[in-house]
PDB file of N, CA and C in Angstrom:
ATOM      1  N   ARG A   1       0.762  -1.008   0.322  1.00  0.00           N
ATOM      2  CA  ARG A   1      -0.121   0.002   0.058  1.00  0.00           C
ATOM      3  C   ARG A   1       0.997   1.463   0.013  1.00  0.00           C
ATOM      4  N   LEU A   2       1.602   1.327   0.864  1.00  0.00           N
ATOM      5  CA  LEU A   2       2.931   2.551   1.155  1.00  0.00           C
ATOM      6  C   LEU A   2       3.704   2.356  -0.320  1.00  0.00           C
ATOM      7  N   THR A   3       4.100   1.490  -0.939  1.00  0.00           N
ATOM      8  CA  THR A   3       4.729   1.796  -2.269  1.00  0.00           C
ATOM      9  C   THR A   3       3.916   2.631  -3.456  1.00  0.00           C
ATOM     10  N   ASN A   4       2.456   2.268  -3.370  1.00  0.00           N
ATOM     11  CA  ASN A   4       2.165   2.250  -4.425  1.00  0.00           C
ATOM     12  C   ASN A   4       1.719   3.944  -4.115  1.00  0.00           C
ATOM     13  N   ASP A   5       2.116   4.690  -3.083  1.00  0.00           N
ATOM     14  CA  ASP A   5       1.713   6.337  -3.296  1.00  0.00           C
ATOM     15  C   ASP A   5       2.538   7.121  -4.310  1.00  0.00           C
ATOM     16  N   PRO A   6       1.558   7.328  -5.115  1.00  0.00           N
ATOM     17  CA  PRO A   6       2.311   8.388  -6.953  1.00  0.00           C
ATOM     18  C   PRO A   6       4.121   9.301  -5.909  1.00  0.00           C
ATOM     19  N   ARG A   7       3.884  10.067  -4.826  1.00  0.00           N
ATOM     20  CA  ARG A   7       4.589  10.392  -4.317  1.00  0.00           C
ATOM     21  C   ARG A   7       5.965   9.848  -4.272  1.00  0.00           C
ATOM     22  N   LEU A   8       5.976   8.614  -3.425  1.00  0.00           N
ATOM     23  CA  LEU A   8       6.897   8.087  -3.426  1.00  0.00           C
ATOM     24  C   LEU A   8       7.745   7.522  -4.363  1.00  0.00           C
ATOM     25  N   LEU A   9       7.149   6.986  -5.606  1.00  0.00           N
ATOM     26  CA  LEU A   9       7.494   6.623  -6.976  1.00  0.00           C
ATOM     27  C   LEU A   9       8.370   7.831  -7.891  1.00  0.00           C
ATOM     28  N   ASP A  10       7.308   8.904  -7.789  1.00  0.00           N
ATOM     29  CA  ASP A  10       8.005  10.314  -8.272  1.00  0.00           C
ATOM     30  C   ASP A  10       9.418  10.296  -7.974  1.00  0.00           C
ATOM     31  N   ALA A  11       9.552  10.121  -6.299  1.00  0.00           N
ATOM     32  CA  ALA A  11      10.721  10.790  -5.559  1.00  0.00           C
ATOM     33  C   ALA A  11      12.397   9.580  -6.140  1.00  0.00           C
ATOM     34  N   LEU A  12      11.061   8.690  -5.890  1.00  0.00           N
ATOM     35  CA  LEU A  12      12.326   7.565  -6.578  1.00  0.00           C
ATOM     36  C   LEU A  12      12.526   7.629  -7.840  1.00  0.00           C
ATOM     37  N   MET A  13      12.111   7.532  -8.564  1.00  0.00           N
ATOM     38  CA  MET A  13      12.018   7.722 -10.600  1.00  0.00           C
ATOM     39  C   MET A  13      12.556   9.034 -10.913  1.00  0.00           C
ATOM     40  N   ARG A  14      12.445  10.155 -10.211  1.00  0.00           N
ATOM     41  CA  ARG A  14      12.695  11.166 -10.947  1.00  0.00           C
ATOM     42  C   ARG A  14      14.230  11.562 -11.243  1.00  0.00           C
ATOM     43  N   PRO A  15      14.837  11.183  -9.793  1.00  0.00           N
ATOM     44  CA  PRO A  15      16.567  11.399 -10.171  1.00  0.00           C
ATOM     45  C   PRO A  15      17.083  10.583 -10.660  1.00  0.00           C
ATOM     46  N   ALA A  16      16.456   9.646 -11.130  1.00  0.00           N
ATOM     47  CA  ALA A  16      16.957   8.640 -12.415  1.00  0.00           C
ATOM     48  C   ALA A  16      16.272   9.084 -13.676  1.00  0.00           C
ATOM     49  N   GLY A  17      16.044   9.852 -13.687  1.00  0.00           N
ATOM     50  CA  GLY A  17      15.146  10.552 -15.251  1.00  0.00           C
ATOM     51  C   GLY A  17      14.250   9.680 -15.597  1.00  0.00           C
ATOM     52  N   ALA A  18      13.589   8.876 -14.763  1.00  0.00           N
ATOM     53  CA  ALA A  18      12.647   7.357 -15.287  1.00  0.00           C
ATOM     54  C   ALA A  18      11.077   8.205 -14.937  1.00  0.00           C
ATOM     55  N   VAL A  19      10.336   8.145 -15.838  1.00  0.00           N
ATOM     56  CA  VAL A  19       8.744   8.432 -15.420  1.00  0.00           C
ATOM     57  C   VAL A  19       7.965   6.970 -15.111  1.00  0.00           C
ATOM     58  N   TRP A  20       7.207   6.664 -13.956  1.00  0.00           N
ATOM     59  CA  TRP A  20       6.892   5.382 -13.701  1.00  0.00           C
ATOM     60  C   TRP A  20       5.330   4.982 -14.150  1.00  0.00           C
ATOM     61  N   PHE A  21       5.156   4.196 -14.544  1.00  0.00           N
ATOM     62  CA  PHE A  21       3.761   3.803 -15.241  1.00  0.00           C
ATOM     63  C   PHE A  21       3.511   2.328 -14.519  1.00  0.00           C
ATOM     64  N   LYS A  22       2.325   2.823 -13.773  1.00  0.00           N
ATOM     65  CA  LYS A  22       1.328   1.530 -13.288  1.00  0.00           C
ATOM     66  C   LYS A  22       0.219   0.496 -14.233  1.00  0.00           C
ATOM     67  N   PRO A  23       0.091  -0.034 -15.132  1.00  0.00           N
ATOM     68  CA  PRO A  23      -0.422  -0.297 -16.158  1.00  0.00           C
ATOM     69  C   PRO A  23      -1.557  -0.272 -15.352  1.00  0.00           C
ATOM     70  N   VAL A  24      -2.933   0.481 -15.552  1.00  0.00           N
ATOM     71  CA  VAL A  24      -4.071   0.378 -15.253  1.00  0.00           C
ATOM     72  C   VAL A  24      -5.256   0.743 -16.200  1.00  0.00           C
ATOM     73  N   PRO A  25      -5.872  -0.546 -17.212  1.00  0.00           N
ATOM     74  CA  PRO A  25      -6.105  -0.747 -17.920  1.00  0.00           C
ATOM     75  C   PRO A  25      -7.444   0.032 -18.231  1.00  0.00           C
ATOM     76  N   VAL A  26      -7.969   1.184 -19.186  1.00  0.00           N
ATOM     77  CA  VAL A  26      -9.066   1.934 -19.033  1.00  0.00           C
ATOM     78  C   VAL A  26      -9.549   1.163 -20.595  1.00  0.00           C
ATOM     79  N   THR A  27     -10.668   1.139 -20.510  1.00  0.00           N
ATOM     80  CA  THR A  27     -11.206   0.685 -21.899  1.00  0.00           C
ATOM     81  C   THR A  27     -11.116   1.392 -22.923  1.00  0.00           C
ATOM     82  N   ALA A  28     -10.803   0.982 -24.092  1.00  0.00           N
ATOM     83  CA  ALA A  28     -10.625   2.255 -24.704  1.00  0.00           C
ATOM     84  C   ALA A  28     -11.700   2.223 -25.771  1.00  0.00           C
ATOM     85  N   THR A  29     -12.699   2.845 -25.166  1.00  0.00           N
ATOM     86  CA  THR A  29     -14.159   2.804 -25.787  1.00  0.00           C
ATOM     87  C   THR A  29     -13.990   4.813 -26.619  1.00  0.00           C
ATOM     88  N   ASN A  30     -15.278   4.831 -27.430  1.00  0.00           N
ATOM     89  CA  ASN A  30     -15.114   6.562 -27.095  1.00  0.00           C
ATOM     90  C   ASN A  30     -15.195   7.133 -26.644  1.00  0.00           C
ATOM     91  N   ASP A  31     -15.694   7.002 -25.629  1.00  0.00           N
ATOM     92  CA  ASP A  31     -15.918   7.673 -24.369  1.00  0.00           C
ATOM     93  C   ASP A  31     -14.713   8.381 -23.434  1.00  0.00           C
ATOM     94  N   ALA A  32     -13.615   7.134 -23.511  1.00  0.00           N
ATOM     95  CA  ALA A  32     -12.602   7.380 -22.966  1.00  0.00           C
ATOM     96  C   ALA A  32     -11.478   7.869 -23.634  1.00  0.00           C
ATOM     97  N   LEU A  33     -11.918   7.621 -25.074  1.00  0.00           N
ATOM     98  CA  LEU A  33     -11.126   8.683 -25.988  1.00  0.00           C
ATOM     99  C   LEU A  33     -11.695  10.004 -26.100  1.00  0.00           C
ATOM    100  N   LYS A  34     -12.759  10.271 -26.114  1.00  0.00           N
ATOM    101  CA  LYS A  34     -12.991  11.735 -25.685  1.00  0.00           C
ATOM    102  C   LYS A  34     -12.404  12.319 -24.330  1.00  0.00           C
ATOM    103  N   ALA A  35     -12.813  11.989 -23.037  1.00  0.00           N
ATOM    104  CA  ALA A  35     -12.132  12.315 -21.986  1.00  0.00           C
ATOM    105  C   ALA A  35     -10.463  12.256 -22.021  1.00  0.00           C
ATOM    106  N   LEU A  36     -10.042  11.529 -22.934  1.00  0.00           N
ATOM    107  CA  LEU A  36      -8.723  11.955 -23.168  1.00  0.00           C
ATOM    108  C   LEU A  36      -8.313  13.069 -23.679  1.00  0.00           C
ATOM    109  N   ALA A  37      -8.786  13.517 -24.998  1.00  0.00           N
ATOM    110  CA  ALA A  37      -8.988  14.704 -25.768  1.00  0.00           C
ATOM    111  C   ALA A  37      -9.375  15.483 -24.977  1.00  0.00           C
ATOM    112  N   LYS A  38     -10.107  15.670 -23.808  1.00  0.00           N
ATOM    113  CA  LYS A  38     -10.491  16.704 -22.902  1.00  0.00           C
ATOM    114  C   LYS A  38      -9.682  17.321 -22.077  1.00  0.00           C
ATOM    115  N   LEU A  39      -8.853  15.897 -21.239  1.00  0.00           N
ATOM    116  CA  LEU A  39      -7.975  16.404 -20.893  1.00  0.00           C
ATOM    117  C   LEU A  39      -6.618  16.798 -21.434  1.00  0.00           C
ATOM    118  N   MET A  40      -5.982  16.514 -22.755  1.00  0.00           N
ATOM    119  CA  MET A  40      -4.954  17.016 -23.658  1.00  0.00           C
ATOM    120  C   MET A  40      -5.328  18.360 -23.704  1.00  0.00           C
ATOM    121  N   LYS A  41      -6.511  19.092 -23.991  1.00  0.00           N
ATOM    122  CA  LYS A  41      -6.884  20.184 -24.265  1.00  0.00           C
ATOM    123  C   LYS A  41      -6.436  20.963 -22.738  1.00  0.00           C
ATOM    124  N   ARG A  42      -7.554  20.622 -22.094  1.00  0.00           N
ATOM    125  CA  ARG A  42      -6.901  21.237 -20.831  1.00  0.00           C
ATOM    126  C   ARG A  42      -5.572  21.381 -20.498  1.00  0.00           C
ATOM    127  N   GLN A  43      -4.762  20.086 -20.849  1.00  0.00           N
ATOM    128  CA  GLN A  43      -3.338  20.237 -20.540  1.00  0.00           C
ATOM    129  C   GLN A  43      -2.817  21.047 -21.404  1.00  0.00           C
ATOM    130  N   GLY A  44      -3.066  21.287 -22.354  1.00  0.00           N
ATOM    131  CA  GLY A  44      -2.945  21.910 -23.502  1.00  0.00           C
ATOM    132  C   GLY A  44      -2.512  23.359 -22.822  1.00  0.00           C
ATOM    133  N   GLU A  45      -3.959  23.946 -22.547  1.00  0.00           N
ATOM    134  CA  GLU A  45      -4.068  24.924 -22.155  1.00  0.00           C
ATOM    135  C   GLU A  45      -3.316  25.297 -20.965  1.00  0.00           C
ATOM    136  N   PHE A  46      -2.914  24.642 -20.096  1.00  0.00           N
ATOM    137  CA  PHE A  46      -2.085  24.824 -19.024  1.00  0.00           C
ATOM    138  C   PHE A  46      -0.740  25.263 -19.578  1.00  0.00           C
ATOM    139  N   VAL A  47      -0.433  24.838 -20.540  1.00  0.00           N
ATOM    140  CA  VAL A  47       0.950  24.744 -20.814  1.00  0.00           C
ATOM    141  C   VAL A  47       1.208  25.916 -21.521  1.00  0.00           C
ATOM    142  N   GLY A  48      -0.058  26.263 -22.047  1.00  0.00           N
ATOM    143  CA  GLY A  48       0.474  27.777 -23.208  1.00  0.00           C
ATOM    144  C   GLY A  48      -0.186  28.740 -21.877  1.00  0.00           C
ATOM    145  N   SER A  49      -0.124  28.497 -20.756  1.00  0.00           N
ATOM    146  CA  SER A  49      -0.467  29.796 -19.851  1.00  0.00           C
ATOM    147  C   SER A  49       0.958  29.687 -19.144  1.00  0.00           C
ATOM    148  N   LEU A  50       2.062  29.207 -19.193  1.00  0.00           N
ATOM    149  CA  LEU A  50       3.598  29.276 -18.779  1.00  0.00           C
ATOM    150  C   LEU A  50       4.148  29.489 -19.971  1.00  0.00           C
ATOM    151  N   HIS A  51       3.883  30.582 -20.793  1.00  0.00           N
ATOM    152  CA  HIS A  51       4.411  31.293 -21.521  1.00  0.00           C
ATOM    153  C   HIS A  51       5.687  32.140 -20.735  1.00  0.00           C
ATOM    154  N   ASP A  52       5.170  32.635 -19.473  1.00  0.00           N
ATOM    155  CA  ASP A  52       6.019  33.688 -18.936  1.00  0.00           C
ATOM    156  C   ASP A  52       7.564  33.173 -18.811  1.00  0.00           C
ATOM    157  N   GLY A  53       7.397  31.975 -18.537  1.00  0.00           N
ATOM    158  CA  GLY A  53       8.372  30.818 -17.693  1.00  0.00           C
ATOM    159  C   GLY A  53       9.331  30.952 -18.775  1.00  0.00           C
ATOM    160  N   ALA A  54       8.975  30.589 -20.513  1.00  0.00           N
ATOM    161  CA  ALA A  54       9.593  29.943 -21.417  1.00  0.00           C
ATOM    162  C   ALA A  54      10.036  31.789 -22.193  1.00  0.00           C
ATOM    163  N   ALA A  55       9.100  32.761 -22.214  1.00  0.00           N
ATOM    164  CA  ALA A  55       9.236  33.940 -22.603  1.00  0.00           C
ATOM    165  C   ALA A  55      10.870  34.833 -22.367  1.00  0.00           C
ATOM    166  N   ASP A  56      10.986  34.827 -20.949  1.00  0.00           N
ATOM    167  CA  ASP A  56      12.588  35.193 -20.365  1.00  0.00           C
ATOM    168  C   ASP A  56      13.571  33.894 -20.952  1.00  0.00           C
ATOM    169  N   ASN A  57      13.042  32.892 -20.638  1.00  0.00           N
ATOM    170  CA  ASN A  57      14.136  31.833 -20.491  1.00  0.00           C
ATOM    171  C   ASN A  57      14.204  31.377 -18.782  1.00  0.00           C
ATOM    172  N   ARG A  58      13.546  31.624 -18.025  1.00  0.00           N
ATOM    173  CA  ARG A  58      14.065  31.856 -16.441  1.00  0.00           C
ATOM    174  C   ARG A  58      12.855  31.120 -15.649  1.00  0.00           C
ATOM    175  N   TRP A  59      12.742  29.746 -15.919  1.00  0.00           N
ATOM    176  CA  TRP A  59      11.975  28.731 -15.501  1.00  0.00           C
ATOM    177  C   TRP A  59      12.048  28.722 -13.883  1.00  0.00           C
ATOM    178  N   GLN A  60      10.954  28.839 -13.125  1.00  0.00           N
ATOM    179  CA  GLN A  60      10.619  28.955 -11.652  1.00  0.00           C
ATOM    180  C   GLN A  60      10.925  27.445 -11.256  1.00  0.00           C
ATOM    181  N   ARG A  61      11.125  26.923 -10.012  1.00  0.00           N
ATOM    182  CA  ARG A  61      11.050  25.416  -9.543  1.00  0.00           C
ATOM    183  C   ARG A  61       9.674  24.947  -9.547  1.00  0.00           C
ATOM    184  N   HIS A  62       8.735  25.694  -9.223  1.00  0.00           N
ATOM    185  CA  HIS A  62       7.107  25.617  -9.105  1.00  0.00           C
ATOM    186  C   HIS A  62       6.480  25.594 -10.277  1.00  0.00           C
ATOM    187  N   GLU A  63       7.285  26.122 -11.369  1.00  0.00           N
ATOM    188  CA  GLU A  63       6.497  26.078 -12.882  1.00  0.00           C
ATOM    189  C   GLU A  63       7.126  24.410 -13.243  1.00  0.00           C
ATOM    190  N   VAL A  64       7.896  24.329 -13.054  1.00  0.00           N
ATOM    191  CA  VAL A  64       8.801  23.282 -13.832  1.00  0.00           C
ATOM    192  C   VAL A  64       8.189  21.664 -13.002  1.00  0.00           C
ATOM    193  N   GLU A  65       7.776  21.969 -11.865  1.00  0.00           N
ATOM    194  CA  GLU A  65       7.351  20.884 -11.423  1.00  0.00           C
ATOM    195  C   GLU A  65       5.646  20.331 -11.604  1.00  0.00           C
ATOM    196  N   THR A  66       5.335  21.927 -11.454  1.00  0.00           N
ATOM    197  CA  THR A  66       3.884  21.498 -12.362  1.00  0.00           C
ATOM    198  C   THR A  66       3.638  21.236 -13.969  1.00  0.00           C
ATOM    199  N   LEU A  67       4.174  21.809 -14.422  1.00  0.00           N
ATOM    200  CA  LEU A  67       4.515  21.322 -15.801  1.00  0.00           C
ATOM    201  C   LEU A  67       4.836  19.767 -15.900  1.00  0.00           C
ATOM    202  N   ARG A  68       5.767  19.205 -14.893  1.00  0.00           N
ATOM    203  CA  ARG A  68       5.989  17.872 -15.082  1.00  0.00           C
ATOM    204  C   ARG A  68       4.999  16.902 -14.651  1.00  0.00           C
ATOM    205  N   HIS A  69       4.291  17.442 -13.334  1.00  0.00           N
ATOM    206  CA  HIS A  69       3.162  16.710 -13.155  1.00  0.00           C
ATOM    207  C   HIS A  69       2.006  16.490 -14.156  1.00  0.00           C
ATOM    208  N   HIS A  70       1.729  17.624 -14.957  1.00  0.00           N
ATOM    209  CA  HIS A  70       0.564  18.093 -15.980  1.00  0.00           C
ATOM    210  C   HIS A  70       1.212  16.485 -17.453  1.00  0.00           C
ATOM    211  N   GLY A  71       2.227  16.916 -17.557  1.00  0.00           N
ATOM    212  CA  GLY A  71       3.099  16.055 -18.668  1.00  0.00           C
ATOM    213  C   GLY A  71       2.781  14.894 -18.173  1.00  0.00           C
ATOM    214  N   GLU A  72       3.040  14.270 -17.027  1.00  0.00           N
ATOM    215  CA  GLU A  72       3.178  12.801 -16.787  1.00  0.00           C
ATOM    216  C   GLU A  72       1.791  12.489 -16.416  1.00  0.00           C
ATOM    217  N   THR A  73       0.675  13.181 -15.851  1.00  0.00           N
ATOM    218  CA  THR A  73      -0.614  12.965 -15.737  1.00  0.00           C
ATOM    219  C   THR A  73      -1.038  12.415 -17.602  1.00  0.00           C
ATOM    220  N   VAL A  74      -0.864  13.067 -18.220  1.00  0.00           N
ATOM    221  CA  VAL A  74      -1.027  12.826 -19.828  1.00  0.00           C
ATOM    222  C   VAL A  74      -0.543  11.530 -20.101  1.00  0.00           C
ATOM    223  N   ILE A  75       1.005  11.476 -19.882  1.00  0.00           N
ATOM    224  CA  ILE A  75       1.494  10.032 -20.169  1.00  0.00           C
ATOM    225  C   ILE A  75       0.664   8.938 -19.657  1.00  0.00           C
ATOM    226  N   ARG A  76       0.337   8.904 -18.792  1.00  0.00           N
ATOM    227  CA  ARG A  76      -0.042   7.672 -17.605  1.00  0.00           C
ATOM    228  C   ARG A  76      -1.515   7.235 -18.614  1.00  0.00           C
ATOM    229  N   LYS A  77      -2.218   8.731 -18.756  1.00  0.00           N
ATOM    230  CA  LYS A  77      -3.716   8.387 -18.912  1.00  0.00           C
ATOM    231  C   LYS A  77      -3.652   7.776 -20.590  1.00  0.00           C
ATOM    232  N   ILE A  78      -2.307   8.150 -21.146  1.00  0.00           N
ATOM    233  CA  ILE A  78      -2.635   7.741 -22.546  1.00  0.00           C
ATOM    234  C   ILE A  78      -2.095   5.943 -22.660  1.00  0.00           C
ATOM    235  N   LEU A  79      -1.147   5.600 -21.836  1.00  0.00           N
ATOM    236  CA  LEU A  79      -0.631   4.600 -21.743  1.00  0.00           C
ATOM    237  C   LEU A  79      -1.896   3.725 -21.089  1.00  0.00           C
ATOM    238  N   GLY A  80      -2.622   4.112 -20.212  1.00  0.00           N
ATOM    239  CA  GLY A  80      -3.838   3.349 -19.599  1.00  0.00           C
ATOM    240  C   GLY A  80      -4.631   2.790 -20.977  1.00  0.00           C
ATOM    241  N   ILE A  81      -5.411   4.016 -21.726  1.00  0.00           N
ATOM    242  CA  ILE A  81      -5.795   3.397 -22.528  1.00  0.00           C
ATOM    243  C   ILE A  81      -5.165   2.648 -23.792  1.00  0.00           C
ATOM    244  N   ILE A  82      -4.150   2.601 -23.960  1.00  0.00           N
ATOM    245  CA  ILE A  82      -3.183   1.586 -24.517  1.00  0.00           C
ATOM    246  C   ILE A  82      -3.260  -0.100 -24.153  1.00  0.00           C
ATOM    247  N   ALA A  83      -3.339   0.026 -22.643  1.00  0.00           N
ATOM    248  CA  ALA A  83      -3.029  -0.846 -21.838  1.00  0.00           C
ATOM    249  C   ALA A  83      -4.439  -1.940 -22.412  1.00  0.00           C
ATOM    250  N   GLY A  84      -5.220  -1.208 -21.782  1.00  0.00           N
ATOM    251  CA  GLY A  84      -6.742  -1.245 -22.080  1.00  0.00           C
ATOM    252  C   GLY A  84      -6.860  -2.233 -23.632  1.00  0.00           C
ATOM    253  N   ALA A  85      -6.639  -1.200 -24.463  1.00  0.00           N
ATOM    254  CA  ALA A  85      -6.654  -1.680 -25.750  1.00  0.00           C
ATOM    255  C   ALA A  85      -5.762  -3.256 -26.109  1.00  0.00           C
ATOM    256  N   GLU A  86      -4.953  -2.844 -25.673  1.00  0.00           N
ATOM    257  CA  GLU A  86      -3.947  -4.204 -25.963  1.00  0.00           C
ATOM    258  C   GLU A  86      -4.922  -5.407 -24.941  1.00  0.00           C
ATOM    259  N   GLN A  87      -5.070  -5.292 -24.073  1.00  0.00           N
ATOM    260  CA  GLN A  87      -6.037  -6.212 -23.259  1.00  0.00           C
ATOM    261  C   GLN A  87      -7.163  -6.619 -23.872  1.00  0.00           C
ATOM    262  N   ALA A  88      -7.901  -5.777 -24.376  1.00  0.00           N
ATOM    263  CA  ALA A  88      -9.222  -6.126 -25.223  1.00  0.00           C
ATOM    264  C   ALA A  88      -8.776  -6.730 -26.893  1.00  0.00           C
ATOM    265  N   MET A  89      -7.898  -6.438 -27.110  1.00  0.00           N
ATOM    266  CA  MET A  89      -7.247  -7.372 -28.428  1.00  0.00           C
ATOM    267  C   MET A  89      -6.925  -8.775 -28.183  1.00  0.00           C
ATOM    268  N   LEU A  90      -6.092  -9.150 -27.096  1.00  0.00           N
ATOM    269  CA  LEU A  90      -5.251 -10.510 -26.401  1.00  0.00           C
ATOM    270  C   LEU A  90      -6.860 -11.085 -26.270  1.00  0.00           C
ATOM    271  N   ALA A  91      -7.834 -10.193 -25.334  1.00  0.00           N
ATOM    272  CA  ALA A  91      -8.744 -11.272 -25.064  1.00  0.00           C
ATOM    273  C   ALA A  91      -9.670 -11.665 -26.550  1.00  0.00           C
ATOM    274  N   GLY A  92      -9.632 -10.693 -27.316  1.00  0.00           N
ATOM    275  CA  GLY A  92     -10.209 -11.313 -28.844  1.00  0.00           C
ATOM    276  C   GLY A  92      -9.513 -12.242 -29.348  1.00  0.00           C
ATOM    277  N   GLU A  93      -8.552 -12.229 -29.168  1.00  0.00           N
ATOM    278  CA  GLU A  93      -7.295 -13.404 -29.595  1.00  0.00           C
ATOM    279  C   GLU A  93      -8.065 -14.426 -28.849  1.00  0.00           C
ATOM    280  N   ASP A  94      -7.966 -14.618 -27.616  1.00  0.00           N
ATOM    281  CA  ASP A  94      -8.090 -15.874 -26.672  1.00  0.00           C
ATOM    282  C   ASP A  94      -9.295 -16.465 -27.672  1.00  0.00           C
ATOM    283  N   ARG A  95     -10.110 -15.668 -27.499  1.00  0.00           N
ATOM    284  CA  ARG A  95     -11.463 -16.687 -27.786  1.00  0.00           C
ATOM    285  C   ARG A  95     -11.679 -16.916 -29.354  1.00  0.00           C
ATOM    286  N   ARG A  96     -10.656 -17.089 -29.917  1.00  0.00           N
ATOM    287  CA  ARG A  96     -10.913 -16.850 -31.614  1.00  0.00           C
ATOM    288  C   ARG A  96      -9.715 -18.248 -31.874  1.00  0.00           C
ATOM    289  N   ASP A  97      -8.891 -18.541 -30.613  1.00  0.00           N
ATOM    290  CA  ASP A  97      -7.885 -19.383 -30.787  1.00  0.00           C
ATOM    291  C   ASP A  97      -8.626 -20.385 -29.659  1.00  0.00           C
ATOM    292  N   GLY A  98      -9.256 -20.270 -28.730  1.00  0.00           N
ATOM    293  CA  GLY A  98      -9.705 -20.892 -27.856  1.00  0.00           C
ATOM    294  C   GLY A  98     -10.757 -21.965 -28.270  1.00  0.00           C
TER     295      GLY A  98
END
């Protein structure tokens, strides 16, 4: 239970330059893809709001940490949908082979 805390995983992986991902399959439905598109739009708007940090090329720690958090959230969501699609594909193959 304690090792599943995202803060602990972030603290362990970040110094190694890695991003962790726990496969949590999400059914790859039209609704899931629409939700992902909505999330990516919000994240894109957020990134656009950080133009001040990039404008003078002087990023502040809190800006970078927030940017990292949002980027990793999008990556995890996308990988979850991919994991769900892979599971559905494999389940379909098992039914055909069985």
